[in-house]
């Protein structure tokens, strides 16, 4: 569970960095948008998994 929390923190930082840096400036075109979408989807899946694991331990 602790590893999932670290991954969750890491993947939540990446979209915030995107606001300031902009992935499209580093990776132009559709590949930049695809990488942003993958980051957002992985963040949501990790968040849902973390919540489910936390609720199952109660």
PDB file of N, CA and C in Angstrom:
ATOM      1  N   UNK A   1       0.828  -1.190   0.000  1.00  0.00           N
ATOM      2  CA  UNK A   1       0.000   0.000   0.000  1.00  0.00           C
ATOM      3  C   UNK A   1       0.871   1.252   0.000  1.00  0.00           C
ATOM      4  N   UNK A   2       2.009   1.180   0.664  1.00  0.00           N
ATOM      5  CA  UNK A   2       2.883   2.341   0.715  1.00  0.00           C
ATOM      6  C   UNK A   2       3.471   2.642  -0.666  1.00  0.00           C
ATOM      7  N   UNK A   3       3.798   1.587  -1.434  1.00  0.00           N
ATOM      8  CA  UNK A   3       4.313   1.797  -2.784  1.00  0.00           C
ATOM      9  C   UNK A   3       3.268   2.448  -3.670  1.00  0.00           C
ATOM     10  N   UNK A   4       2.007   2.037  -3.505  1.00  0.00           N
ATOM     11  CA  UNK A   4       0.943   2.628  -4.301  1.00  0.00           C
ATOM     12  C   UNK A   4       0.765   4.102  -3.957  1.00  0.00           C
ATOM     13  N   UNK A   5       0.944   4.437  -2.694  1.00  0.00           N
ATOM     14  CA  UNK A   5       0.836   5.832  -2.284  1.00  0.00           C
ATOM     15  C   UNK A   5       1.944   6.668  -2.911  1.00  0.00           C
ATOM     16  N   UNK A   6       3.159   6.129  -2.963  1.00  0.00           N
ATOM     17  CA  UNK A   6       4.260   6.854  -3.601  1.00  0.00           C
ATOM     18  C   UNK A   6       4.005   7.041  -5.095  1.00  0.00           C
ATOM     19  N   UNK A   7       3.498   6.005  -5.764  1.00  0.00           N
ATOM     20  CA  UNK A   7       3.157   6.131  -7.178  1.00  0.00           C
ATOM     21  C   UNK A   7       2.050   7.149  -7.393  1.00  0.00           C
ATOM     22  N   UNK A   8       1.094   7.174  -6.484  1.00  0.00           N
ATOM     23  CA  UNK A   8      -0.003   8.127  -6.577  1.00  0.00           C
ATOM     24  C   UNK A   8       0.507   9.556  -6.448  1.00  0.00           C
ATOM     25  N   UNK A   9       1.406   9.782  -5.514  1.00  0.00           N
ATOM     26  CA  UNK A   9       1.986  11.120  -5.351  1.00  0.00           C
ATOM     27  C   UNK A   9       2.781  11.504  -6.593  1.00  0.00           C
ATOM     28  N   UNK A  10       3.563  10.571  -7.132  1.00  0.00           N
ATOM     29  CA  UNK A  10       4.365  10.857  -8.316  1.00  0.00           C
ATOM     30  C   UNK A  10       3.491  11.180  -9.520  1.00  0.00           C
ATOM     31  N   UNK A  11       2.441  10.386  -9.743  1.00  0.00           N
ATOM     32  CA  UNK A  11       1.587  10.639 -10.900  1.00  0.00           C
ATOM     33  C   UNK A  11       0.703  11.862 -10.708  1.00  0.00           C
ATOM     34  N   UNK A  12       0.487  12.305  -9.481  1.00  0.00           N
ATOM     35  CA  UNK A  12      -0.281  13.538  -9.298  1.00  0.00           C
ATOM     36  C   UNK A  12       0.589  14.762  -9.522  1.00  0.00           C
ATOM     37  N   UNK A  13       1.900  14.618  -9.355  1.00  0.00           N
ATOM     38  CA  UNK A  13       2.799  15.745  -9.599  1.00  0.00           C
ATOM     39  C   UNK A  13       2.961  15.998 -11.094  1.00  0.00           C
ATOM     40  N   UNK A  14       2.941  14.950 -11.901  1.00  0.00           N
ATOM     41  CA  UNK A  14       3.178  15.110 -13.332  1.00  0.00           C
ATOM     42  C   UNK A  14       2.155  16.007 -14.031  1.00  0.00           C
ATOM     43  N   UNK A  15       0.833  15.842 -13.813  1.00  0.00           N
ATOM     44  CA  UNK A  15      -0.097  16.783 -14.454  1.00  0.00           C
ATOM     45  C   UNK A  15       0.047  18.214 -13.948  1.00  0.00           C
ATOM     46  N   UNK A  16       0.445  18.382 -12.689  1.00  0.00           N
ATOM     47  CA  UNK A  16       0.665  19.735 -12.173  1.00  0.00           C
ATOM     48  C   UNK A  16       1.867  20.364 -12.870  1.00  0.00           C
ATOM     49  N   UNK A  17       2.922  19.577 -13.082  1.00  0.00           N
ATOM     50  CA  UNK A  17       4.068  20.083 -13.828  1.00  0.00           C
ATOM     51  C   UNK A  17       3.689  20.421 -15.259  1.00  0.00           C
ATOM     52  N   UNK A  18       2.748  19.675 -15.823  1.00  0.00           N
ATOM     53  CA  UNK A  18       2.297  19.946 -17.186  1.00  0.00           C
ATOM     54  C   UNK A  18       1.701  21.347 -17.293  1.00  0.00           C
ATOM     55  N   UNK A  19       1.039  21.799 -16.247  1.00  0.00           N
ATOM     56  CA  UNK A  19       0.442  23.131 -16.276  1.00  0.00           C
ATOM     57  C   UNK A  19       1.528  24.195 -16.418  1.00  0.00           C
ATOM     58  N   UNK A  20       2.636  24.021 -15.717  1.00  0.00           N
ATOM     59  CA  UNK A  20       3.692  25.027 -15.733  1.00  0.00           C
ATOM     60  C   UNK A  20       4.661  24.862 -16.903  1.00  0.00           C
ATOM     61  N   UNK A  21       5.009  23.624 -17.239  1.00  0.00           N
ATOM     62  CA  UNK A  21       5.995  23.388 -18.296  1.00  0.00           C
ATOM     63  C   UNK A  21       5.312  23.171 -19.637  1.00  0.00           C
ATOM     64  N   UNK A  22       4.314  22.337 -19.668  1.00  0.00           N
ATOM     65  CA  UNK A  22       3.623  22.006 -20.904  1.00  0.00           C
ATOM     66  C   UNK A  22       4.328  20.876 -21.635  1.00  0.00           C
ATOM     67  N   UNK A  23       3.710  19.723 -21.631  1.00  0.00           N
ATOM     68  CA  UNK A  23       4.315  18.571 -22.294  1.00  0.00           C
ATOM     69  C   UNK A  23       4.370  18.795 -23.795  1.00  0.00           C
ATOM     70  N   UNK A  24       3.428  19.562 -24.340  1.00  0.00           N
ATOM     71  CA  UNK A  24       3.440  19.809 -25.777  1.00  0.00           C
ATOM     72  C   UNK A  24       4.671  20.594 -26.202  1.00  0.00           C
ATOM     73  N   UNK A  25       5.278  21.336 -25.284  1.00  0.00           N
ATOM     74  CA  UNK A  25       6.517  22.038 -25.621  1.00  0.00           C
ATOM     75  C   UNK A  25       7.694  21.075 -25.688  1.00  0.00           C
ATOM     76  N   UNK A  26       7.648  20.031 -24.877  1.00  0.00           N
ATOM     77  CA  UNK A  26       8.738  19.051 -24.869  1.00  0.00           C
ATOM     78  C   UNK A  26       8.498  17.982 -25.934  1.00  0.00           C
ATOM     79  N   UNK A  27       7.297  17.429 -25.947  1.00  0.00           N
ATOM     80  CA  UNK A  27       6.923  16.396 -26.923  1.00  0.00           C
ATOM     81  C   UNK A  27       5.807  16.987 -27.786  1.00  0.00           C
ATOM     82  N   UNK A  28       6.103  17.447 -28.992  1.00  0.00           N
ATOM     83  CA  UNK A  28       5.084  18.130 -29.795  1.00  0.00           C
ATOM     84  C   UNK A  28       4.050  17.172 -30.395  1.00  0.00           C
ATOM     85  N   UNK A  29       2.894  17.734 -30.694  1.00  0.00           N
ATOM     86  CA  UNK A  29       1.869  17.013 -31.436  1.00  0.00           C
ATOM     87  C   UNK A  29       1.071  16.019 -30.621  1.00  0.00           C
ATOM     88  N   UNK A  30       0.606  15.000 -31.326  1.00  0.00           N
ATOM     89  CA  UNK A  30      -0.300  14.030 -30.709  1.00  0.00           C
ATOM     90  C   UNK A  30       0.396  13.187 -29.656  1.00  0.00           C
ATOM     91  N   UNK A  31       1.705  13.033 -29.760  1.00  0.00           N
ATOM     92  CA  UNK A  31       2.424  12.231 -28.778  1.00  0.00           C
ATOM     93  C   UNK A  31       2.422  12.906 -27.405  1.00  0.00           C
ATOM     94  N   UNK A  32       2.493  14.229 -27.385  1.00  0.00           N
ATOM     95  CA  UNK A  32       2.417  14.961 -26.125  1.00  0.00           C
ATOM     96  C   UNK A  32       1.047  14.842 -25.485  1.00  0.00           C
ATOM     97  N   UNK A  33       0.007  14.944 -26.311  1.00  0.00           N
ATOM     98  CA  UNK A  33      -1.353  14.797 -25.780  1.00  0.00           C
ATOM     99  C   UNK A  33      -1.607  13.369 -25.308  1.00  0.00           C
ATOM    100  N   UNK A  34      -1.044  12.391 -26.021  1.00  0.00           N
ATOM    101  CA  UNK A  34      -1.188  10.995 -25.618  1.00  0.00           C
ATOM    102  C   UNK A  34      -0.495  10.735 -24.284  1.00  0.00           C
ATOM    103  N   UNK A  35       0.692  11.292 -24.105  1.00  0.00           N
ATOM    104  CA  UNK A  35       1.401  11.078 -22.839  1.00  0.00           C
ATOM    105  C   UNK A  35       0.662  11.737 -21.682  1.00  0.00           C
ATOM    106  N   UNK A  36       0.047  12.896 -21.918  1.00  0.00           N
ATOM    107  CA  UNK A  36      -0.743  13.542 -20.873  1.00  0.00           C
ATOM    108  C   UNK A  36      -1.971  12.700 -20.531  1.00  0.00           C
ATOM    109  N   UNK A  37      -2.622  12.141 -21.538  1.00  0.00           N
ATOM    110  CA  UNK A  37      -3.789  11.294 -21.292  1.00  0.00           C
ATOM    111  C   UNK A  37      -3.403  10.042 -20.511  1.00  0.00           C
ATOM    112  N   UNK A  38      -2.268   9.454 -20.833  1.00  0.00           N
ATOM    113  CA  UNK A  38      -1.811   8.267 -20.102  1.00  0.00           C
ATOM    114  C   UNK A  38      -1.532   8.617 -18.652  1.00  0.00           C
ATOM    115  N   UNK A  39      -0.932   9.782 -18.412  1.00  0.00           N
ATOM    116  CA  UNK A  39      -0.668  10.202 -17.031  1.00  0.00           C
ATOM    117  C   UNK A  39      -1.963  10.392 -16.261  1.00  0.00           C
ATOM    118  N   UNK A  40      -2.962  11.016 -16.892  1.00  0.00           N
ATOM    119  CA  UNK A  40      -4.223  11.261 -16.201  1.00  0.00           C
ATOM    120  C   UNK A  40      -4.963   9.962 -15.917  1.00  0.00           C
ATOM    121  N   UNK A  41      -4.963   9.046 -16.873  1.00  0.00           N
ATOM    122  CA  UNK A  41      -5.636   7.763 -16.671  1.00  0.00           C
ATOM    123  C   UNK A  41      -4.933   6.953 -15.587  1.00  0.00           C
ATOM    124  N   UNK A  42      -3.600   6.955 -15.607  1.00  0.00           N
ATOM    125  CA  UNK A  42      -2.879   6.196 -14.580  1.00  0.00           C
ATOM    126  C   UNK A  42      -3.098   6.790 -13.197  1.00  0.00           C
ATOM    127  N   UNK A  43      -3.213   8.110 -13.112  1.00  0.00           N
ATOM    128  CA  UNK A  43      -3.497   8.740 -11.828  1.00  0.00           C
ATOM    129  C   UNK A  43      -4.862   8.308 -11.308  1.00  0.00           C
ATOM    130  N   UNK A  44      -5.871   8.315 -12.173  1.00  0.00           N
ATOM    131  CA  UNK A  44      -7.212   7.933 -11.739  1.00  0.00           C
ATOM    132  C   UNK A  44      -7.265   6.458 -11.331  1.00  0.00           C
ATOM    133  N   UNK A  45      -6.595   5.583 -12.096  1.00  0.00           N
ATOM    134  CA  UNK A  45      -6.594   4.162 -11.744  1.00  0.00           C
ATOM    135  C   UNK A  45      -5.863   3.909 -10.432  1.00  0.00           C
ATOM    136  N   UNK A  46      -4.738   4.592 -10.230  1.00  0.00           N
ATOM    137  CA  UNK A  46      -4.021   4.441  -8.965  1.00  0.00           C
ATOM    138  C   UNK A  46      -4.840   4.967  -7.800  1.00  0.00           C
ATOM    139  N   UNK A  47      -5.534   6.076  -8.011  1.00  0.00           N
ATOM    140  CA  UNK A  47      -6.360   6.640  -6.948  1.00  0.00           C
ATOM    141  C   UNK A  47      -7.492   5.692  -6.581  1.00  0.00           C
ATOM    142  N   UNK A  48      -8.162   5.141  -7.592  1.00  0.00           N
ATOM    143  CA  UNK A  48      -9.242   4.197  -7.316  1.00  0.00           C
ATOM    144  C   UNK A  48      -8.714   2.931  -6.638  1.00  0.00           C
ATOM    145  N   UNK A  49      -7.562   2.441  -7.081  1.00  0.00           N
ATOM    146  CA  UNK A  49      -6.970   1.266  -6.448  1.00  0.00           C
ATOM    147  C   UNK A  49      -6.564   1.525  -5.012  1.00  0.00           C
ATOM    148  N   UNK A  50      -6.021   2.704  -4.751  1.00  0.00           N
ATOM    149  CA  UNK A  50      -5.612   3.053  -3.389  1.00  0.00           C
ATOM    150  C   UNK A  50      -6.824   3.150  -2.471  1.00  0.00           C
ATOM    151  N   UNK A  51      -7.897   3.762  -2.961  1.00  0.00           N
ATOM    152  CA  UNK A  51      -9.118   3.886  -2.155  1.00  0.00           C
ATOM    153  C   UNK A  51      -9.716   2.508  -1.888  1.00  0.00           C
ATOM    154  N   UNK A  52      -9.750   1.647  -2.909  1.00  0.00           N
ATOM    155  CA  UNK A  52     -10.310   0.306  -2.728  1.00  0.00           C
ATOM    156  C   UNK A  52      -9.476  -0.515  -1.753  1.00  0.00           C
ATOM    157  N   UNK A  53      -8.160  -0.409  -1.843  1.00  0.00           N
ATOM    158  CA  UNK A  53      -7.298  -1.163  -0.933  1.00  0.00           C
ATOM    159  C   UNK A  53      -7.423  -0.642   0.491  1.00  0.00           C
ATOM    160  N   UNK A  54      -7.558   0.653   0.623  1.00  0.00           N
ATOM    161  CA  UNK A  54      -7.696   1.245   1.956  1.00  0.00           C
ATOM    162  C   UNK A  54      -9.030   0.853   2.593  1.00  0.00           C
ATOM    163  N   UNK A  55     -10.100   0.827   1.779  1.00  0.00           N
ATOM    164  CA  UNK A  55     -11.410   0.447   2.306  1.00  0.00           C
ATOM    165  C   UNK A  55     -11.475  -1.037   2.640  1.00  0.00           C
ATOM    166  N   UNK A  56     -10.728  -1.866   1.916  1.00  0.00           N
ATOM    167  CA  UNK A  56     -10.777  -3.302   2.189  1.00  0.00           C
ATOM    168  C   UNK A  56     -10.032  -3.666   3.472  1.00  0.00           C
ATOM    169  N   UNK A  57      -9.139  -2.819   3.936  1.00  0.00           N
ATOM    170  CA  UNK A  57      -8.400  -3.102   5.170  1.00  0.00           C
ATOM    171  C   UNK A  57      -9.206  -2.772   6.417  1.00  0.00           C
ATOM    172  N   UNK A  58     -10.289  -2.023   6.269  1.00  0.00           N
ATOM    173  CA  UNK A  58     -11.093  -1.632   7.441  1.00  0.00           C
ATOM    174  C   UNK A  58     -11.897  -2.789   7.965  1.00  0.00           C
TER     175      UNK A  58
END
